[in-house]
N, C-alpha and C. Protein backbone atom coordinates (compact mmCIF):
# COMPACT_ATOMS: atom_id res chain seq x y z
N MET A 1 -125.99 48.25 18.22
CA MET A 1 -127.10 48.03 19.16
C MET A 1 -127.71 46.64 18.96
N LYS A 2 -127.87 46.23 17.69
CA LYS A 2 -128.43 44.91 17.42
C LYS A 2 -127.55 43.81 17.98
N LYS A 3 -126.22 43.98 17.86
CA LYS A 3 -125.29 42.96 18.36
C LYS A 3 -125.39 42.82 19.87
N ILE A 4 -125.56 43.94 20.56
CA ILE A 4 -125.66 43.92 22.02
C ILE A 4 -126.91 43.14 22.45
N ILE A 5 -128.04 43.42 21.80
CA ILE A 5 -129.29 42.74 22.13
C ILE A 5 -129.19 41.25 21.82
N ALA A 6 -128.63 40.92 20.65
CA ALA A 6 -128.51 39.52 20.25
C ALA A 6 -127.60 38.75 21.20
N SER A 7 -126.47 39.34 21.56
CA SER A 7 -125.55 38.65 22.48
C SER A 7 -126.17 38.51 23.86
N GLY A 8 -126.95 39.49 24.27
CA GLY A 8 -127.64 39.39 25.56
C GLY A 8 -128.65 38.25 25.57
N LEU A 9 -129.42 38.13 24.49
CA LEU A 9 -130.38 37.03 24.39
C LEU A 9 -129.67 35.69 24.40
N CYS A 10 -128.58 35.57 23.66
CA CYS A 10 -127.82 34.32 23.60
C CYS A 10 -127.26 33.97 24.97
N THR A 11 -126.72 34.96 25.67
CA THR A 11 -126.14 34.72 26.99
C THR A 11 -127.20 34.25 27.98
N ILE A 12 -128.37 34.91 27.97
CA ILE A 12 -129.45 34.54 28.89
C ILE A 12 -129.94 33.12 28.60
N SER A 13 -130.14 32.81 27.32
CA SER A 13 -130.65 31.48 26.97
C SER A 13 -129.62 30.40 27.29
N LEU A 14 -128.33 30.67 27.03
CA LEU A 14 -127.28 29.70 27.36
C LEU A 14 -127.21 29.47 28.87
N PHE A 15 -127.34 30.53 29.65
CA PHE A 15 -127.31 30.42 31.11
C PHE A 15 -128.48 29.58 31.61
N LEU A 16 -129.68 29.83 31.07
CA LEU A 16 -130.85 29.06 31.49
C LEU A 16 -130.74 27.60 31.10
N VAL A 17 -130.20 27.32 29.91
CA VAL A 17 -130.00 25.94 29.48
C VAL A 17 -128.99 25.24 30.38
N ALA A 18 -127.92 25.95 30.75
CA ALA A 18 -126.92 25.37 31.65
C ALA A 18 -127.53 25.07 33.02
N MET A 19 -128.35 25.98 33.52
CA MET A 19 -129.02 25.74 34.80
C MET A 19 -129.96 24.54 34.70
N ALA A 20 -130.61 24.38 33.54
CA ALA A 20 -131.54 23.26 33.36
C ALA A 20 -130.80 21.93 33.31
N THR A 21 -129.64 21.90 32.66
CA THR A 21 -128.90 20.65 32.53
C THR A 21 -128.25 20.24 33.85
N LEU A 22 -128.09 21.18 34.79
CA LEU A 22 -127.55 20.84 36.10
C LEU A 22 -128.55 20.01 36.90
N ARG A 23 -129.83 20.11 36.59
CA ARG A 23 -130.85 19.33 37.29
C ARG A 23 -130.83 17.89 36.78
N SER A 24 -131.15 16.96 37.66
CA SER A 24 -131.09 15.54 37.30
C SER A 24 -132.35 15.08 36.57
N ASP A 25 -133.47 15.74 36.82
CA ASP A 25 -134.74 15.33 36.23
C ASP A 25 -134.80 15.75 34.76
N SER A 26 -134.93 14.77 33.88
CA SER A 26 -134.92 15.07 32.44
C SER A 26 -136.19 15.81 32.01
N LEU A 27 -137.31 15.56 32.69
CA LEU A 27 -138.55 16.27 32.38
C LEU A 27 -138.40 17.76 32.68
N THR A 28 -137.72 18.07 33.77
CA THR A 28 -137.48 19.47 34.11
C THR A 28 -136.60 20.13 33.06
N VAL A 29 -135.60 19.38 32.58
CA VAL A 29 -134.72 19.91 31.54
C VAL A 29 -135.51 20.22 30.28
N LEU A 30 -136.36 19.27 29.86
CA LEU A 30 -137.17 19.48 28.66
C LEU A 30 -138.10 20.67 28.83
N ALA A 31 -138.74 20.77 29.97
CA ALA A 31 -139.66 21.88 30.22
C ALA A 31 -138.92 23.21 30.21
N THR A 32 -137.74 23.23 30.83
CA THR A 32 -136.98 24.48 30.89
C THR A 32 -136.47 24.88 29.51
N VAL A 33 -136.00 23.90 28.74
CA VAL A 33 -135.50 24.20 27.39
C VAL A 33 -136.63 24.74 26.51
N SER A 34 -137.82 24.12 26.60
CA SER A 34 -138.94 24.62 25.80
C SER A 34 -139.37 26.00 26.26
N LEU A 35 -139.30 26.24 27.57
CA LEU A 35 -139.63 27.56 28.11
C LEU A 35 -138.64 28.61 27.62
N VAL A 36 -137.35 28.24 27.61
CA VAL A 36 -136.31 29.14 27.10
C VAL A 36 -136.55 29.45 25.63
N ALA A 37 -136.89 28.41 24.85
CA ALA A 37 -137.14 28.60 23.42
C ALA A 37 -138.31 29.56 23.20
N MET A 38 -139.39 29.38 23.98
CA MET A 38 -140.55 30.28 23.86
C MET A 38 -140.19 31.70 24.28
N LEU A 39 -139.37 31.81 25.34
CA LEU A 39 -138.95 33.13 25.82
C LEU A 39 -138.13 33.86 24.77
N VAL A 40 -137.16 33.15 24.18
CA VAL A 40 -136.31 33.76 23.15
C VAL A 40 -137.15 34.15 21.94
N ALA A 41 -138.10 33.29 21.55
CA ALA A 41 -138.97 33.60 20.41
C ALA A 41 -139.81 34.85 20.69
N ALA A 42 -140.35 34.94 21.90
CA ALA A 42 -141.17 36.10 22.26
C ALA A 42 -140.33 37.38 22.29
N LEU A 43 -139.12 37.28 22.86
CA LEU A 43 -138.24 38.46 22.93
C LEU A 43 -137.81 38.92 21.54
N SER A 44 -137.47 37.97 20.67
CA SER A 44 -137.06 38.36 19.32
C SER A 44 -138.24 38.94 18.54
N LEU A 45 -139.44 38.39 18.76
CA LEU A 45 -140.63 38.93 18.11
C LEU A 45 -140.88 40.37 18.56
N LEU A 46 -140.80 40.60 19.87
CA LEU A 46 -140.96 41.95 20.40
C LEU A 46 -139.91 42.89 19.84
N TYR A 47 -138.66 42.39 19.73
CA TYR A 47 -137.58 43.22 19.21
C TYR A 47 -137.84 43.62 17.77
N PHE A 48 -138.26 42.66 16.92
CA PHE A 48 -138.49 42.97 15.51
C PHE A 48 -139.71 43.87 15.32
N VAL A 49 -140.74 43.69 16.16
CA VAL A 49 -141.90 44.58 16.09
C VAL A 49 -141.49 45.99 16.48
N GLY A 50 -140.71 46.11 17.56
CA GLY A 50 -140.23 47.42 17.98
C GLY A 50 -139.35 48.07 16.93
N LEU A 51 -138.50 47.26 16.29
CA LEU A 51 -137.63 47.77 15.24
C LEU A 51 -138.45 48.27 14.05
N ALA A 52 -139.49 47.53 13.68
CA ALA A 52 -140.34 47.94 12.56
C ALA A 52 -141.08 49.23 12.89
N VAL A 53 -141.58 49.35 14.11
CA VAL A 53 -142.27 50.57 14.53
C VAL A 53 -141.30 51.75 14.53
N TYR A 54 -140.08 51.52 15.03
CA TYR A 54 -139.08 52.58 15.09
C TYR A 54 -138.72 53.05 13.68
N GLN A 55 -138.53 52.11 12.75
CA GLN A 55 -138.16 52.47 11.39
C GLN A 55 -139.31 53.18 10.67
N SER A 56 -140.55 52.81 10.99
CA SER A 56 -141.68 53.45 10.32
C SER A 56 -141.90 54.87 10.85
N THR A 57 -141.55 55.11 12.12
CA THR A 57 -141.74 56.45 12.68
C THR A 57 -140.51 57.33 12.50
N GLU A 58 -139.38 56.73 12.12
CA GLU A 58 -138.14 57.50 11.94
C GLU A 58 -138.26 58.43 10.73
N LYS A 59 -137.86 59.68 10.92
CA LYS A 59 -137.93 60.64 9.82
C LYS A 59 -136.72 60.46 8.90
N PRO A 60 -136.92 60.48 7.59
CA PRO A 60 -135.78 60.35 6.66
C PRO A 60 -134.87 61.57 6.76
N GLN A 61 -133.58 61.33 6.68
CA GLN A 61 -132.60 62.42 6.79
C GLN A 61 -132.62 63.28 5.53
């Protein structure tokens, strides 16, 4: 499950970076790359918080 989420995040960020580099304006590229970086950071933070909550509520076998 972790691999699926990680590969999904990588694919989305790579796609957004590719879309940004297709634009000719370098300021737009910089803004999009920083936006992608913030998005990935927020998603990974949410994922780790969710994982911690799930592990804390999970009953031991």
